[in-house]
Amino acid sequence: MSQNIETLVKEIEAADAGSRPSYEPQLSRMIDEMEARGEKVPTAAKCLHEELVNEKIEAQFDNMPV
């Protein structure tokens, strides 16, 4: 599974900024599955997930009328 998450992290890092937040649910699911099996989740994956969550939150505010 570690190989799959590393591949996904590379794919997300290569993606354009507009599409990155759409990867968050998939990455979150992979992290949850690894933790449930007692596997060590790579630090890079955890950090990237946090970035994606923040990007998703910021995107919501970008669409708010002022």
PDB file of N, CA and C in Angstrom:
ATOM      1  N   MET A   1       0.819  -1.200   0.000  1.00  0.00           N
ATOM      2  CA  MET A   1       0.000   0.000   0.000  1.00  0.00           C
ATOM      3  C   MET A   1       0.857   1.256   0.000  1.00  0.00           C
ATOM      4  N   SER A   2       2.011   1.173   0.659  1.00  0.00           N
ATOM      5  CA  SER A   2       2.906   2.319   0.725  1.00  0.00           C
ATOM      6  C   SER A   2       3.287   2.796  -0.677  1.00  0.00           C
ATOM      7  N   GLN A   3       3.465   1.850  -1.591  1.00  0.00           N
ATOM      8  CA  GLN A   3       3.814   2.196  -2.971  1.00  0.00           C
ATOM      9  C   GLN A   3       2.682   2.991  -3.617  1.00  0.00           C
ATOM     10  N   ASN A   4       1.439   2.578  -3.380  1.00  0.00           N
ATOM     11  CA  ASN A   4       0.302   3.272  -3.968  1.00  0.00           C
ATOM     12  C   ASN A   4       0.186   4.704  -3.465  1.00  0.00           C
ATOM     13  N   ILE A   5       0.402   4.908  -2.181  1.00  0.00           N
ATOM     14  CA  ILE A   5       0.269   6.249  -1.625  1.00  0.00           C
ATOM     15  C   ILE A   5       1.401   7.142  -2.130  1.00  0.00           C
ATOM     16  N   GLU A   6       2.579   6.574  -2.297  1.00  0.00           N
ATOM     17  CA  GLU A   6       3.701   7.352  -2.835  1.00  0.00           C
ATOM     18  C   GLU A   6       3.427   7.761  -4.279  1.00  0.00           C
ATOM     19  N   THR A   7       2.821   6.861  -5.047  1.00  0.00           N
ATOM     20  CA  THR A   7       2.468   7.174  -6.433  1.00  0.00           C
ATOM     21  C   THR A   7       1.426   8.283  -6.467  1.00  0.00           C
ATOM     22  N   LEU A   8       0.431   8.200  -5.589  1.00  0.00           N
ATOM     23  CA  LEU A   8      -0.608   9.226  -5.532  1.00  0.00           C
ATOM     24  C   LEU A   8      -0.021  10.576  -5.126  1.00  0.00           C
ATOM     25  N   VAL A   9       0.883  10.579  -4.163  1.00  0.00           N
ATOM     26  CA  VAL A   9       1.521  11.831  -3.730  1.00  0.00           C
ATOM     27  C   VAL A   9       2.240  12.483  -4.910  1.00  0.00           C
ATOM     28  N   LYS A  10       2.974  11.694  -5.681  1.00  0.00           N
ATOM     29  CA  LYS A  10       3.689  12.235  -6.855  1.00  0.00           C
ATOM     30  C   LYS A  10       2.711  12.781  -7.886  1.00  0.00           C
ATOM     31  N   GLU A  11       1.599  12.074  -8.077  1.00  0.00           N
ATOM     32  CA  GLU A  11       0.581  12.516  -9.038  1.00  0.00           C
ATOM     33  C   GLU A  11      -0.019  13.851  -8.595  1.00  0.00           C
ATOM     34  N   ILE A  12      -0.304  13.976  -7.307  1.00  0.00           N
ATOM     35  CA  ILE A  12      -0.884  15.220  -6.781  1.00  0.00           C
ATOM     36  C   ILE A  12       0.108  16.366  -6.906  1.00  0.00           C
ATOM     37  N   GLU A  13       1.363  16.104  -6.579  1.00  0.00           N
ATOM     38  CA  GLU A  13       2.385  17.152  -6.673  1.00  0.00           C
ATOM     39  C   GLU A  13       2.565  17.633  -8.103  1.00  0.00           C
ATOM     40  N   ALA A  14       2.330  16.755  -9.079  1.00  0.00           N
ATOM     41  CA  ALA A  14       2.482  17.126 -10.487  1.00  0.00           C
ATOM     42  C   ALA A  14       1.229  17.793 -11.049  1.00  0.00           C
ATOM     43  N   ALA A  15       0.112  17.692 -10.338  1.00  0.00           N
ATOM     44  CA  ALA A  15      -1.157  18.240 -10.816  1.00  0.00           C
ATOM     45  C   ALA A  15      -1.164  19.758 -10.738  1.00  0.00           C
ATOM     46  N   ASP A  16      -2.016  20.369 -11.572  1.00  0.00           N
ATOM     47  CA  ASP A  16      -2.124  21.823 -11.522  1.00  0.00           C
ATOM     48  C   ASP A  16      -2.912  22.224 -10.278  1.00  0.00           C
ATOM     49  N   ALA A  17      -2.688  23.441  -9.841  1.00  0.00           N
ATOM     50  CA  ALA A  17      -3.244  23.925  -8.577  1.00  0.00           C
ATOM     51  C   ALA A  17      -4.763  23.802  -8.513  1.00  0.00           C
ATOM     52  N   GLY A  18      -5.440  23.985  -9.622  1.00  0.00           N
ATOM     53  CA  GLY A  18      -6.898  23.932  -9.635  1.00  0.00           C
ATOM     54  C   GLY A  18      -7.473  22.554  -9.377  1.00  0.00           C
ATOM     55  N   SER A  19      -6.750  21.519  -9.741  1.00  0.00           N
ATOM     56  CA  SER A  19      -7.280  20.160  -9.582  1.00  0.00           C
ATOM     57  C   SER A  19      -6.782  19.458  -8.323  1.00  0.00           C
ATOM     58  N   ARG A  20      -5.800  20.025  -7.651  1.00  0.00           N
ATOM     59  CA  ARG A  20      -5.239  19.372  -6.458  1.00  0.00           C
ATOM     60  C   ARG A  20      -6.268  19.061  -5.373  1.00  0.00           C
ATOM     61  N   PRO A  21      -7.165  19.989  -5.024  1.00  0.00           N
ATOM     62  CA  PRO A  21      -8.121  19.686  -3.956  1.00  0.00           C
ATOM     63  C   PRO A  21      -9.013  18.475  -4.250  1.00  0.00           C
ATOM     64  N   SER A  22      -9.220  18.152  -5.509  1.00  0.00           N
ATOM     65  CA  SER A  22     -10.085  17.016  -5.843  1.00  0.00           C
ATOM     66  C   SER A  22      -9.459  15.682  -5.439  1.00  0.00           C
ATOM     67  N   TYR A  23      -8.171  15.664  -5.177  1.00  0.00           N
ATOM     68  CA  TYR A  23      -7.490  14.441  -4.750  1.00  0.00           C
ATOM     69  C   TYR A  23      -7.635  14.176  -3.247  1.00  0.00           C
ATOM     70  N   GLU A  24      -8.096  15.166  -2.503  1.00  0.00           N
ATOM     71  CA  GLU A  24      -8.131  15.042  -1.043  1.00  0.00           C
ATOM     72  C   GLU A  24      -8.906  13.829  -0.535  1.00  0.00           C
ATOM     73  N   PRO A  25     -10.126  13.553  -1.049  1.00  0.00           N
ATOM     74  CA  PRO A  25     -10.848  12.385  -0.522  1.00  0.00           C
ATOM     75  C   PRO A  25     -10.099  11.064  -0.737  1.00  0.00           C
ATOM     76  N   GLN A  26      -9.486  10.915  -1.897  1.00  0.00           N
ATOM     77  CA  GLN A  26      -8.746   9.686  -2.196  1.00  0.00           C
ATOM     78  C   GLN A  26      -7.538   9.540  -1.274  1.00  0.00           C
ATOM     79  N   LEU A  27      -6.803  10.615  -1.085  1.00  0.00           N
ATOM     80  CA  LEU A  27      -5.630  10.567  -0.213  1.00  0.00           C
ATOM     81  C   LEU A  27      -6.058  10.313   1.228  1.00  0.00           C
ATOM     82  N   SER A  28      -7.131  10.953   1.660  1.00  0.00           N
ATOM     83  CA  SER A  28      -7.639  10.756   3.012  1.00  0.00           C
ATOM     84  C   SER A  28      -8.015   9.291   3.243  1.00  0.00           C
ATOM     85  N   ARG A  29      -8.687   8.699   2.270  1.00  0.00           N
ATOM     86  CA  ARG A  29      -9.094   7.299   2.366  1.00  0.00           C
ATOM     87  C   ARG A  29      -7.877   6.380   2.479  1.00  0.00           C
ATOM     88  N   MET A  30      -6.854   6.636   1.666  1.00  0.00           N
ATOM     89  CA  MET A  30      -5.644   5.816   1.705  1.00  0.00           C
ATOM     90  C   MET A  30      -4.939   5.934   3.058  1.00  0.00           C
ATOM     91  N   ILE A  31      -4.864   7.144   3.594  1.00  0.00           N
ATOM     92  CA  ILE A  31      -4.234   7.360   4.898  1.00  0.00           C
ATOM     93  C   ILE A  31      -5.014   6.610   5.977  1.00  0.00           C
ATOM     94  N   ASP A  32      -6.341   6.738   5.950  1.00  0.00           N
ATOM     95  CA  ASP A  32      -7.185   6.059   6.944  1.00  0.00           C
ATOM     96  C   ASP A  32      -7.004   4.546   6.876  1.00  0.00           C
ATOM     97  N   GLU A  33      -6.953   3.998   5.659  1.00  0.00           N
ATOM     98  CA  GLU A  33      -6.793   2.548   5.487  1.00  0.00           C
ATOM     99  C   GLU A  33      -5.444   2.079   6.026  1.00  0.00           C
ATOM    100  N   MET A  34      -4.397   2.849   5.744  1.00  0.00           N
ATOM    101  CA  MET A  34      -3.065   2.478   6.228  1.00  0.00           C
ATOM    102  C   MET A  34      -3.029   2.513   7.751  1.00  0.00           C
ATOM    103  N   GLU A  35      -3.586   3.560   8.342  1.00  0.00           N
ATOM    104  CA  GLU A  35      -3.595   3.675   9.804  1.00  0.00           C
ATOM    105  C   GLU A  35      -4.413   2.552  10.438  1.00  0.00           C
ATOM    106  N   ALA A  36      -5.516   2.164   9.801  1.00  0.00           N
ATOM    107  CA  ALA A  36      -6.357   1.087  10.331  1.00  0.00           C
ATOM    108  C   ALA A  36      -5.615  -0.249  10.337  1.00  0.00           C
ATOM    109  N   ARG A  37      -4.716  -0.431   9.380  1.00  0.00           N
ATOM    110  CA  ARG A  37      -3.924  -1.660   9.318  1.00  0.00           C
ATOM    111  C   ARG A  37      -2.660  -1.576  10.173  1.00  0.00           C
ATOM    112  N   GLY A  38      -2.447  -0.426  10.799  1.00  0.00           N
ATOM    113  CA  GLY A  38      -1.274  -0.256  11.641  1.00  0.00           C
ATOM    114  C   GLY A  38      -0.006   0.058  10.859  1.00  0.00           C
ATOM    115  N   GLU A  39      -0.160   0.443   9.603  1.00  0.00           N
ATOM    116  CA  GLU A  39       1.002   0.791   8.785  1.00  0.00           C
ATOM    117  C   GLU A  39       1.416   2.235   9.063  1.00  0.00           C
ATOM    118  N   LYS A  40       2.695   2.495   8.853  1.00  0.00           N
ATOM    119  CA  LYS A  40       3.201   3.860   9.024  1.00  0.00           C
ATOM    120  C   LYS A  40       2.891   4.660   7.760  1.00  0.00           C
ATOM    121  N   VAL A  41       2.215   5.778   7.946  1.00  0.00           N
ATOM    122  CA  VAL A  41       1.885   6.653   6.825  1.00  0.00           C
ATOM    123  C   VAL A  41       3.060   7.590   6.594  1.00  0.00           C
ATOM    124  N   PRO A  42       3.538   7.684   5.346  1.00  0.00           N
ATOM    125  CA  PRO A  42       4.657   8.583   5.071  1.00  0.00           C
ATOM    126  C   PRO A  42       4.339  10.028   5.472  1.00  0.00           C
ATOM    127  N   THR A  43       5.310  10.678   6.063  1.00  0.00           N
ATOM    128  CA  THR A  43       5.140  12.069   6.497  1.00  0.00           C
ATOM    129  C   THR A  43       4.743  12.965   5.333  1.00  0.00           C
ATOM    130  N   ALA A  44       5.327  12.729   4.166  1.00  0.00           N
ATOM    131  CA  ALA A  44       5.006  13.542   2.989  1.00  0.00           C
ATOM    132  C   ALA A  44       3.523  13.452   2.651  1.00  0.00           C
ATOM    133  N   ALA A  45       2.951  12.270   2.815  1.00  0.00           N
ATOM    134  CA  ALA A  45       1.528  12.087   2.513  1.00  0.00           C
ATOM    135  C   ALA A  45       0.670  12.848   3.518  1.00  0.00           C
ATOM    136  N   LYS A  46       1.038  12.792   4.788  1.00  0.00           N
ATOM    137  CA  LYS A  46       0.272  13.517   5.819  1.00  0.00           C
ATOM    138  C   LYS A  46       0.345  15.027   5.586  1.00  0.00           C
ATOM    139  N   CYS A  47       1.526  15.521   5.275  1.00  0.00           N
ATOM    140  CA  CYS A  47       1.695  16.959   5.033  1.00  0.00           C
ATOM    141  C   CYS A  47       0.906  17.399   3.802  1.00  0.00           C
ATOM    142  N   LEU A  48       0.971  16.590   2.756  1.00  0.00           N
ATOM    143  CA  LEU A  48       0.241  16.917   1.535  1.00  0.00           C
ATOM    144  C   LEU A  48      -1.260  16.914   1.790  1.00  0.00           C
ATOM    145  N   HIS A  49      -1.735  15.968   2.584  1.00  0.00           N
ATOM    146  CA  HIS A  49      -3.161  15.927   2.905  1.00  0.00           C
ATOM    147  C   HIS A  49      -3.583  17.210   3.620  1.00  0.00           C
ATOM    148  N   GLU A  50      -2.765  17.652   4.553  1.00  0.00           N
ATOM    149  CA  GLU A  50      -3.076  18.889   5.270  1.00  0.00           C
ATOM    150  C   GLU A  50      -3.123  20.077   4.299  1.00  0.00           C
ATOM    151  N   GLU A  51      -2.192  20.121   3.357  1.00  0.00           N
ATOM    152  CA  GLU A  51      -2.190  21.190   2.351  1.00  0.00           C
ATOM    153  C   GLU A  51      -3.474  21.152   1.524  1.00  0.00           C
ATOM    154  N   LEU A  52      -3.883  19.958   1.114  1.00  0.00           N
ATOM    155  CA  LEU A  52      -5.085  19.820   0.295  1.00  0.00           C
ATOM    156  C   LEU A  52      -6.333  20.258   1.047  1.00  0.00           C
ATOM    157  N   VAL A  53      -6.409  19.912   2.324  1.00  0.00           N
ATOM    158  CA  VAL A  53      -7.550  20.335   3.139  1.00  0.00           C
ATOM    159  C   VAL A  53      -7.585  21.864   3.203  1.00  0.00           C
ATOM    160  N   ASN A  54      -6.431  22.479   3.424  1.00  0.00           N
ATOM    161  CA  ASN A  54      -6.368  23.942   3.481  1.00  0.00           C
ATOM    162  C   ASN A  54      -6.741  24.563   2.143  1.00  0.00           C
ATOM    163  N   GLU A  55      -6.288  23.961   1.040  1.00  0.00           N
ATOM    164  CA  GLU A  55      -6.624  24.479  -0.290  1.00  0.00           C
ATOM    165  C   GLU A  55      -8.124  24.388  -0.544  1.00  0.00           C
ATOM    166  N   LYS A  56      -8.737  23.295  -0.087  1.00  0.00           N
ATOM    167  CA  LYS A  56     -10.181  23.126  -0.247  1.00  0.00           C
ATOM    168  C   LYS A  56     -10.942  24.196   0.526  1.00  0.00           C
ATOM    169  N   ILE A  57     -10.496  24.482   1.744  1.00  0.00           N
ATOM    170  CA  ILE A  57     -11.142  25.501   2.579  1.00  0.00           C
ATOM    171  C   ILE A  57     -10.990  26.875   1.929  1.00  0.00           C
ATOM    172  N   GLU A  58      -9.795  27.183   1.459  1.00  0.00           N
ATOM    173  CA  GLU A  58      -9.556  28.476   0.813  1.00  0.00           C
ATOM    174  C   GLU A  58     -10.396  28.629  -0.441  1.00  0.00           C
ATOM    175  N   ALA A  59     -10.570  27.553  -1.198  1.00  0.00           N
ATOM    176  CA  ALA A  59     -11.354  27.600  -2.420  1.00  0.00           C
ATOM    177  C   ALA A  59     -12.809  27.947  -2.115  1.00  0.00           C
ATOM    178  N   GLN A  60     -13.314  27.482  -0.978  1.00  0.00           N
ATOM    179  CA  GLN A  60     -14.686  27.814  -0.598  1.00  0.00           C
ATOM    180  C   GLN A  60     -14.843  29.312  -0.353  1.00  0.00           C
ATOM    181  N   PHE A  61     -13.838  29.928   0.249  1.00  0.00           N
ATOM    182  CA  PHE A  61     -13.914  31.346   0.548  1.00  0.00           C
ATOM    183  C   PHE A  61     -13.703  32.206  -0.691  1.00  0.00           C
ATOM    184  N   ASP A  62     -12.991  31.658  -1.680  1.00  0.00           N
ATOM    185  CA  ASP A  62     -12.769  32.416  -2.920  1.00  0.00           C
ATOM    186  C   ASP A  62     -14.082  32.679  -3.660  1.00  0.00           C
ATOM    187  N   ASN A  63     -15.068  31.832  -3.444  1.00  0.00           N
ATOM    188  CA  ASN A  63     -16.329  31.956  -4.151  1.00  0.00           C
ATOM    189  C   ASN A  63     -17.381  32.749  -3.389  1.00  0.00           C
ATOM    190  N   MET A  64     -17.021  33.255  -2.217  1.00  0.00           N
ATOM    191  CA  MET A  64     -17.975  34.008  -1.408  1.00  0.00           C
ATOM    192  C   MET A  64     -18.069  35.447  -1.900  1.00  0.00           C
ATOM    193  N   PRO A  65     -19.285  35.965  -2.023  1.00  0.00           N
ATOM    194  CA  PRO A  65     -19.420  37.373  -2.397  1.00  0.00           C
ATOM    195  C   PRO A  65     -18.975  38.289  -1.254  1.00  0.00           C
ATOM    196  N   VAL A  66     -18.455  39.415  -1.634  1.00  0.00           N
ATOM    197  CA  VAL A  66     -17.963  40.364  -0.632  1.00  0.00           C
ATOM    198  C   VAL A  66     -18.917  41.524  -0.494  1.00  0.00           C
TER     199      VAL A  66
END
